[in-house]
């Protein structure tokens, strides 16, 4: 009898097992079902792309069924050179449109950052005018930062010696006297100042253009066509993060970004860096975009005919349909 009862229990257990397995989530199953998006950013740019990292850390991407595979490059142009091996790139309007001028195709779906061109340098320099004739480091001639520096020159009658350099080397380069100042992004700029507070400071926080357009999120056109739902979900998660930052302020944003940097001590650096950016406007600012693209045309970086109608040219590569859908869906909640 005991043998029969034991056998009966085993049979019942084996019959119930499939149902139990179906009802109880298996560890790792959810992660395996996430769609991976290969996303590019640049070294030392966590604050500039705070909306995306806040969305990731708050679990918004996971809720949308997305997992980010982060790939980091020296600057925006470098990430675009590898666009074939990526799904999306976070970079600035200048390298994006230089990429388009070379025949590249992408869909800009969201603006992430305004500002984002602080100039740091030796404390003896109180304004950009003091840098006239001096060596100023830039992250590369194809970056928006080099374009901003060029615009400052032409609009204020100044002349700088543009010195391409890695943003991670800026503090050491200034200490060695290889450059007197550097125009870059955040939080790399704030980190450089923190490394040498007796020597360095912010000479200028924001570009001399209101609402200065800087960074955007773009997907490969082929990816957008093949995965429109994923793109919409990605934009919605990022938009949720923008709203979260508006509601929670710089203190909590700086804390989250420090987590992304794996450095709890980075919070004060991030707080400082957040003064150099505006992360709350998800649409491209066209007045400043016209200035930046006209500037690089004057520098010979793109053909002049492309900027005869900047709005029409840039408009070919902007797709706000995903942002519109994301905004509409969030209003319903």
Protein backbone atom coordinates (compact mmCIF):
# COMPACT_ATOMS: atom_id res chain seq x y z
CA UNK A 1 0.00 0.00 0.00
CA UNK A 2 2.82 2.41 0.91
CA UNK A 3 4.50 1.62 -2.39
CA UNK A 4 1.28 2.37 -4.27
CA UNK A 5 0.81 5.68 -2.39
CA UNK A 6 4.42 6.69 -3.13
CA UNK A 7 3.96 5.84 -6.79
CA UNK A 8 0.70 7.81 -6.88
CA UNK A 9 2.42 10.90 -5.40
CA UNK A 10 5.19 10.63 -8.00
CA UNK A 11 2.66 10.39 -10.80
CA UNK A 12 0.70 13.40 -9.53
CA UNK A 13 3.89 15.43 -9.10
CA UNK A 14 5.09 14.63 -12.60
CA UNK A 15 1.67 15.52 -14.01
CA UNK A 16 1.64 18.87 -12.20
CA UNK A 17 5.24 19.76 -13.01
CA UNK A 18 4.62 21.25 -16.49
CA UNK A 19 1.80 23.41 -15.13
CA UNK A 20 3.93 24.58 -12.24
CA UNK A 21 6.81 25.42 -14.54
CA UNK A 22 4.49 27.39 -16.78
CA UNK A 23 3.08 29.33 -13.83
CA UNK A 24 6.37 30.15 -12.11
CA UNK A 25 8.91 32.37 -13.98
CA UNK A 26 12.24 30.69 -14.54
CA UNK A 27 15.23 32.76 -13.45
CA UNK A 28 16.78 34.40 -16.47
CA UNK A 29 13.82 33.74 -18.77
CA UNK A 30 12.75 37.38 -18.73
CA UNK A 31 16.27 38.56 -19.51
CA UNK A 32 16.49 36.12 -22.41
CA UNK A 33 13.31 37.55 -23.95
CA UNK A 34 14.63 41.13 -23.99
CA UNK A 35 15.50 42.70 -27.33
CA UNK A 36 19.13 43.86 -27.38
CA UNK A 37 19.84 47.28 -28.88
CA UNK A 38 23.49 47.94 -29.74
CA UNK A 39 23.96 51.56 -28.71
CA UNK A 40 27.01 53.83 -29.11
CA UNK A 41 28.11 56.67 -26.86
CA UNK A 42 31.43 58.36 -26.08
CA UNK A 43 33.98 58.21 -23.27
CA UNK A 44 33.09 60.32 -20.24
CA UNK A 45 29.63 61.29 -21.54
CA UNK A 46 27.26 59.85 -18.92
CA UNK A 47 25.79 63.23 -17.95
CA UNK A 48 25.25 64.28 -21.57
CA UNK A 49 23.26 61.11 -22.18
CA UNK A 50 21.64 61.07 -18.75
CA UNK A 51 18.14 60.48 -20.12
CA UNK A 52 19.11 57.11 -21.56
CA UNK A 53 21.06 55.97 -18.50
CA UNK A 54 18.33 57.13 -16.11
CA UNK A 55 15.84 55.15 -18.17
CA UNK A 56 18.06 52.09 -17.96
CA UNK A 57 18.71 52.39 -14.22
CA UNK A 58 15.04 53.00 -13.43
CA UNK A 59 14.10 49.87 -15.35
CA UNK A 60 12.14 51.64 -18.08
CA UNK A 61 13.91 49.80 -20.90
CA UNK A 62 13.41 46.44 -19.21
CA UNK A 63 9.70 47.23 -18.85
CA UNK A 64 9.62 47.86 -22.60
CA UNK A 65 11.42 44.57 -23.28
CA UNK A 66 14.73 46.20 -24.23
CA UNK A 67 18.29 45.58 -23.11
CA UNK A 68 21.09 47.99 -24.06
CA UNK A 69 24.42 46.69 -25.29
CA UNK A 70 26.62 49.71 -24.73
CA UNK A 71 29.54 50.43 -27.05
CA UNK A 72 31.76 53.41 -26.23
CA UNK A 73 33.95 55.38 -28.65
CA UNK A 74 36.43 58.27 -28.48
CA UNK A 75 33.96 60.73 -30.04
CA UNK A 76 30.83 61.00 -32.18
CA UNK A 77 32.57 60.69 -35.57
CA UNK A 78 34.33 57.51 -34.39
CA UNK A 79 31.02 55.91 -33.39
CA UNK A 80 29.48 56.76 -36.76
CA UNK A 81 32.38 55.12 -38.56
CA UNK A 82 31.19 51.88 -36.92
CA UNK A 83 27.46 52.44 -37.56
CA UNK A 84 27.24 49.23 -39.61
CA UNK A 85 27.92 47.25 -36.43
CA UNK A 86 25.41 49.21 -34.35
CA UNK A 87 21.67 49.71 -34.14
CA UNK A 88 21.70 53.24 -32.74
CA UNK A 89 24.13 56.04 -32.01
CA UNK A 90 24.06 58.92 -29.54
CA UNK A 91 26.12 61.75 -31.01
CA UNK A 92 25.91 65.42 -31.93
CA UNK A 93 24.12 67.10 -34.82
CA UNK A 94 27.41 68.07 -36.51
CA UNK A 95 28.86 64.54 -36.89
CA UNK A 96 25.42 63.19 -37.77
CA UNK A 97 25.02 65.65 -40.63
CA UNK A 98 28.62 65.19 -41.78
CA UNK A 99 27.78 61.47 -41.90
CA UNK A 100 24.70 62.31 -43.99
CA UNK A 101 26.80 64.53 -46.29
CA UNK A 102 29.01 61.51 -47.02
CA UNK A 103 25.98 59.46 -48.06
CA UNK A 104 25.13 57.94 -44.69
CA UNK A 105 21.50 57.32 -43.79
CA UNK A 106 19.89 57.37 -40.35
CA UNK A 107 16.73 58.48 -38.57
CA UNK A 108 17.15 61.01 -35.78
CA UNK A 109 14.29 60.24 -33.40
CA UNK A 110 15.04 62.38 -30.35
CA UNK A 111 17.15 65.29 -29.13
CA UNK A 112 18.92 64.42 -25.90
CA UNK A 113 21.01 67.44 -24.93
CA UNK A 114 21.28 71.17 -25.38
CA UNK A 115 24.42 73.10 -24.37
CA UNK A 116 27.17 70.54 -23.82
CA UNK A 117 30.22 72.53 -24.95
CA UNK A 118 31.89 73.80 -21.77
CA UNK A 119 35.33 75.32 -22.03
CA UNK A 120 37.65 74.57 -19.13
CA UNK A 121 41.18 75.86 -18.71
CA UNK A 122 43.76 77.52 -16.53
CA UNK A 123 42.39 79.88 -13.90
CA UNK A 124 44.39 82.75 -15.34
CA UNK A 125 41.91 82.85 -18.24
CA UNK A 126 38.67 84.53 -17.19
CA UNK A 127 36.85 84.52 -20.54
CA UNK A 128 37.17 83.09 -24.03
CA UNK A 129 38.64 86.40 -25.19
CA UNK A 130 41.66 85.67 -22.97
CA UNK A 131 42.29 82.57 -25.10
CA UNK A 132 42.86 84.56 -28.29
CA UNK A 133 45.91 83.10 -30.05
CA UNK A 134 46.17 80.22 -27.57
CA UNK A 135 46.12 76.46 -28.05
CA UNK A 136 42.67 75.06 -27.28
CA UNK A 137 42.03 71.33 -27.27
CA UNK A 138 39.00 69.82 -29.02
CA UNK A 139 37.71 66.23 -29.15
CA UNK A 140 38.30 66.21 -32.92
CA UNK A 141 37.72 68.31 -36.01
CA UNK A 142 34.49 66.44 -36.85
CA UNK A 143 32.84 67.15 -33.50
CA UNK A 144 30.27 69.80 -32.64
CA UNK A 145 32.74 71.11 -30.07
CA UNK A 146 35.22 72.04 -32.76
CA UNK A 147 32.36 73.70 -34.65
CA UNK A 148 31.34 75.69 -31.56
CA UNK A 149 34.95 76.80 -31.13
CA UNK A 150 35.03 77.86 -34.77
CA UNK A 151 31.82 79.85 -34.36
CA UNK A 152 33.19 81.64 -31.28
CA UNK A 153 36.24 82.61 -33.34
CA UNK A 154 34.31 83.98 -36.29
CA UNK A 155 31.60 85.72 -34.27
CA UNK A 156 33.95 87.35 -31.76
CA UNK A 157 36.94 88.04 -33.98
CA UNK A 158 39.23 85.63 -32.14
CA UNK A 159 41.70 83.03 -33.30
CA UNK A 160 42.46 79.76 -31.53
CA UNK A 161 44.89 77.00 -32.36
CA UNK A 162 42.67 73.92 -32.52
CA UNK A 163 44.48 70.92 -31.02
CA UNK A 164 42.69 67.54 -31.45
CA UNK A 165 42.98 65.46 -28.29
CA UNK A 166 41.32 62.72 -26.27
CA UNK A 167 38.92 64.14 -23.75
CA UNK A 168 40.24 61.72 -21.14
CA UNK A 169 43.68 63.37 -21.41
CA UNK A 170 42.54 66.96 -20.99
CA UNK A 171 43.69 67.57 -17.40
CA UNK A 172 47.15 66.18 -18.04
CA UNK A 173 47.52 68.10 -21.32
CA UNK A 174 46.69 71.40 -19.64
CA UNK A 175 49.01 70.63 -16.73
CA UNK A 176 51.82 69.93 -19.19
CA UNK A 177 51.13 73.12 -21.11
CA UNK A 178 50.26 71.27 -24.33
CA UNK A 179 47.01 73.25 -24.43
CA UNK A 180 45.73 76.18 -22.38
CA UNK A 181 42.08 75.14 -22.41
CA UNK A 182 39.74 72.45 -23.75
CA UNK A 183 36.20 72.43 -25.12
CA UNK A 184 34.45 69.16 -24.37
CA UNK A 185 31.45 67.40 -22.86
CA UNK A 186 30.18 66.23 -19.48
CA UNK A 187 31.00 64.78 -17.01
CA UNK A 188 34.51 64.49 -18.47
CA UNK A 189 35.01 68.26 -18.21
CA UNK A 190 33.84 68.42 -14.59
CA UNK A 191 36.03 65.43 -13.77
CA UNK A 192 39.07 67.19 -15.23
CA UNK A 193 38.40 70.26 -13.09
CA UNK A 194 38.01 68.04 -10.02
CA UNK A 195 41.38 66.42 -10.75
CA UNK A 196 43.21 69.75 -10.71
CA UNK A 197 41.03 72.27 -8.82
CA UNK A 198 43.95 74.58 -8.08
CA UNK A 199 44.80 74.88 -11.77
CA UNK A 200 41.54 74.50 -13.71
CA UNK A 201 38.08 76.07 -13.79
CA UNK A 202 35.19 76.65 -16.17
CA UNK A 203 36.00 79.53 -18.49
CA UNK A 204 32.59 79.21 -20.17
CA UNK A 205 29.72 76.87 -19.33
CA UNK A 206 27.35 77.19 -22.27
CA UNK A 207 27.82 77.98 -25.98
CA UNK A 208 27.01 81.59 -26.95
CA UNK A 209 23.74 80.48 -28.61
CA UNK A 210 20.43 80.08 -26.70
CA UNK A 211 19.10 76.50 -26.55
CA UNK A 212 22.19 75.36 -28.40
CA UNK A 213 21.47 72.03 -30.08
CA UNK A 214 24.01 69.36 -29.26
CA UNK A 215 23.20 65.64 -28.98
CA UNK A 216 20.63 63.36 -30.53
CA UNK A 217 19.65 59.71 -30.69
CA UNK A 218 19.57 58.17 -34.17
CA UNK A 219 18.82 54.66 -35.40
CA UNK A 220 19.96 53.10 -38.64
CA UNK A 221 17.26 53.54 -41.26
CA UNK A 222 17.19 49.80 -41.93
CA UNK A 223 16.71 49.11 -38.22
CA UNK A 224 13.81 51.58 -38.02
CA UNK A 225 12.07 49.89 -40.96
CA UNK A 226 12.56 46.41 -39.55
CA UNK A 227 11.93 47.19 -35.88
CA UNK A 228 9.53 50.14 -35.57
CA UNK A 229 7.98 48.86 -32.33
CA UNK A 230 11.38 48.59 -30.63
CA UNK A 231 12.27 52.12 -31.69
CA UNK A 232 8.98 53.45 -30.32
CA UNK A 233 9.54 51.63 -27.03
CA UNK A 234 13.10 52.93 -26.80
CA UNK A 235 11.93 56.51 -27.32
CA UNK A 236 9.11 56.09 -24.79
CA UNK A 237 11.49 54.78 -22.12
CA UNK A 238 13.86 57.71 -22.74
CA UNK A 239 11.02 60.21 -22.64
CA UNK A 240 9.91 58.77 -19.28
CA UNK A 241 13.43 59.41 -18.00
CA UNK A 242 13.32 63.02 -19.18
CA UNK A 243 10.10 63.50 -17.22
CA UNK A 244 11.65 61.76 -14.20
CA UNK A 245 14.63 64.14 -14.26
CA UNK A 246 12.30 67.15 -14.45
CA UNK A 247 10.38 65.89 -11.43
CA UNK A 248 13.33 64.73 -9.32
CA UNK A 249 15.98 67.35 -10.04
CA UNK A 250 19.74 67.35 -10.30
CA UNK A 251 20.51 65.75 -6.92
CA UNK A 252 18.81 62.45 -7.68
CA UNK A 253 19.91 62.55 -11.32
CA UNK A 254 23.53 62.97 -10.23
CA UNK A 255 23.16 60.00 -7.88
CA UNK A 256 21.84 57.74 -10.63
CA UNK A 257 24.56 58.78 -13.07
CA UNK A 258 27.19 58.04 -10.42
CA UNK A 259 25.78 54.51 -10.32
CA UNK A 260 26.10 54.25 -14.07
CA UNK A 261 29.72 55.35 -13.74
CA UNK A 262 30.26 52.74 -11.01
CA UNK A 263 31.62 55.54 -8.83
CA UNK A 264 29.51 56.70 -5.85
CA UNK A 265 32.00 59.53 -5.28
CA UNK A 266 31.12 60.99 -8.69
CA UNK A 267 27.89 62.61 -7.47
CA UNK A 268 29.44 66.07 -6.81
CA UNK A 269 31.20 65.92 -10.18
CA UNK A 270 27.90 65.11 -11.87
CA UNK A 271 26.13 67.91 -10.03
CA UNK A 272 28.74 70.31 -11.36
CA UNK A 273 28.47 68.84 -14.85
CA UNK A 274 24.67 69.19 -14.93
CA UNK A 275 25.09 72.97 -14.99
CA UNK A 276 26.59 72.67 -18.49
CA UNK A 277 23.67 70.89 -20.14
CA UNK A 278 19.92 71.04 -20.69
CA UNK A 279 18.42 67.55 -20.82
CA UNK A 280 14.73 68.42 -21.00
CA UNK A 281 13.97 69.34 -24.63
CA UNK A 282 13.37 66.26 -26.83
CA UNK A 283 13.06 68.15 -30.12
CA UNK A 284 15.93 69.61 -32.14
CA UNK A 285 16.51 73.35 -31.83
CA UNK A 286 16.67 74.48 -35.45
CA UNK A 287 17.97 78.07 -35.00
CA UNK A 288 21.18 76.84 -33.40
CA UNK A 289 21.37 73.88 -35.76
CA UNK A 290 21.42 76.28 -38.71
CA UNK A 291 24.34 78.12 -37.13
CA UNK A 292 26.40 74.98 -36.43
CA UNK A 293 25.89 73.52 -39.89
CA UNK A 294 26.57 76.83 -41.62
CA UNK A 295 29.76 77.09 -39.57
CA UNK A 296 31.08 73.69 -40.65
CA UNK A 297 30.21 74.50 -44.27
CA UNK A 298 32.31 77.66 -43.97
CA UNK A 299 35.11 75.51 -42.51
CA UNK A 300 34.93 73.27 -45.58
CA UNK A 301 33.73 70.21 -43.66
CA UNK A 302 30.57 69.81 -45.77
CA UNK A 303 29.57 71.17 -49.20
CA UNK A 304 28.15 74.71 -49.01
CA UNK A 305 25.11 73.84 -51.13
CA UNK A 306 23.82 71.57 -48.34
CA UNK A 307 23.21 74.52 -46.02
CA UNK A 308 21.25 76.64 -48.49
CA UNK A 309 18.17 75.03 -46.92
CA UNK A 310 19.29 73.60 -43.58
CA UNK A 311 15.75 72.85 -42.41
CA UNK A 312 14.95 70.91 -45.55
CA UNK A 313 18.22 68.98 -45.48
CA UNK A 314 18.09 68.07 -41.78
CA UNK A 315 14.38 67.34 -42.05
CA UNK A 316 15.13 64.43 -44.38
CA UNK A 317 16.79 62.63 -41.48
CA UNK A 318 14.45 63.52 -38.60
CA UNK A 319 11.57 61.21 -37.73
CA UNK A 320 9.44 62.51 -34.84
CA UNK A 321 6.69 59.93 -35.39
CA UNK A 322 8.07 57.75 -32.58
CA UNK A 323 8.32 60.69 -30.22
CA UNK A 324 4.76 61.75 -31.07
CA UNK A 325 3.47 58.24 -30.31
CA UNK A 326 5.49 58.04 -27.11
CA UNK A 327 4.17 61.38 -25.88
CA UNK A 328 0.61 60.40 -26.70
CA UNK A 329 0.88 57.05 -24.92
CA UNK A 330 2.37 58.62 -21.78
CA UNK A 331 -0.43 61.24 -21.63
CA UNK A 332 -2.98 58.44 -21.47
CA UNK A 333 -1.40 57.02 -18.31
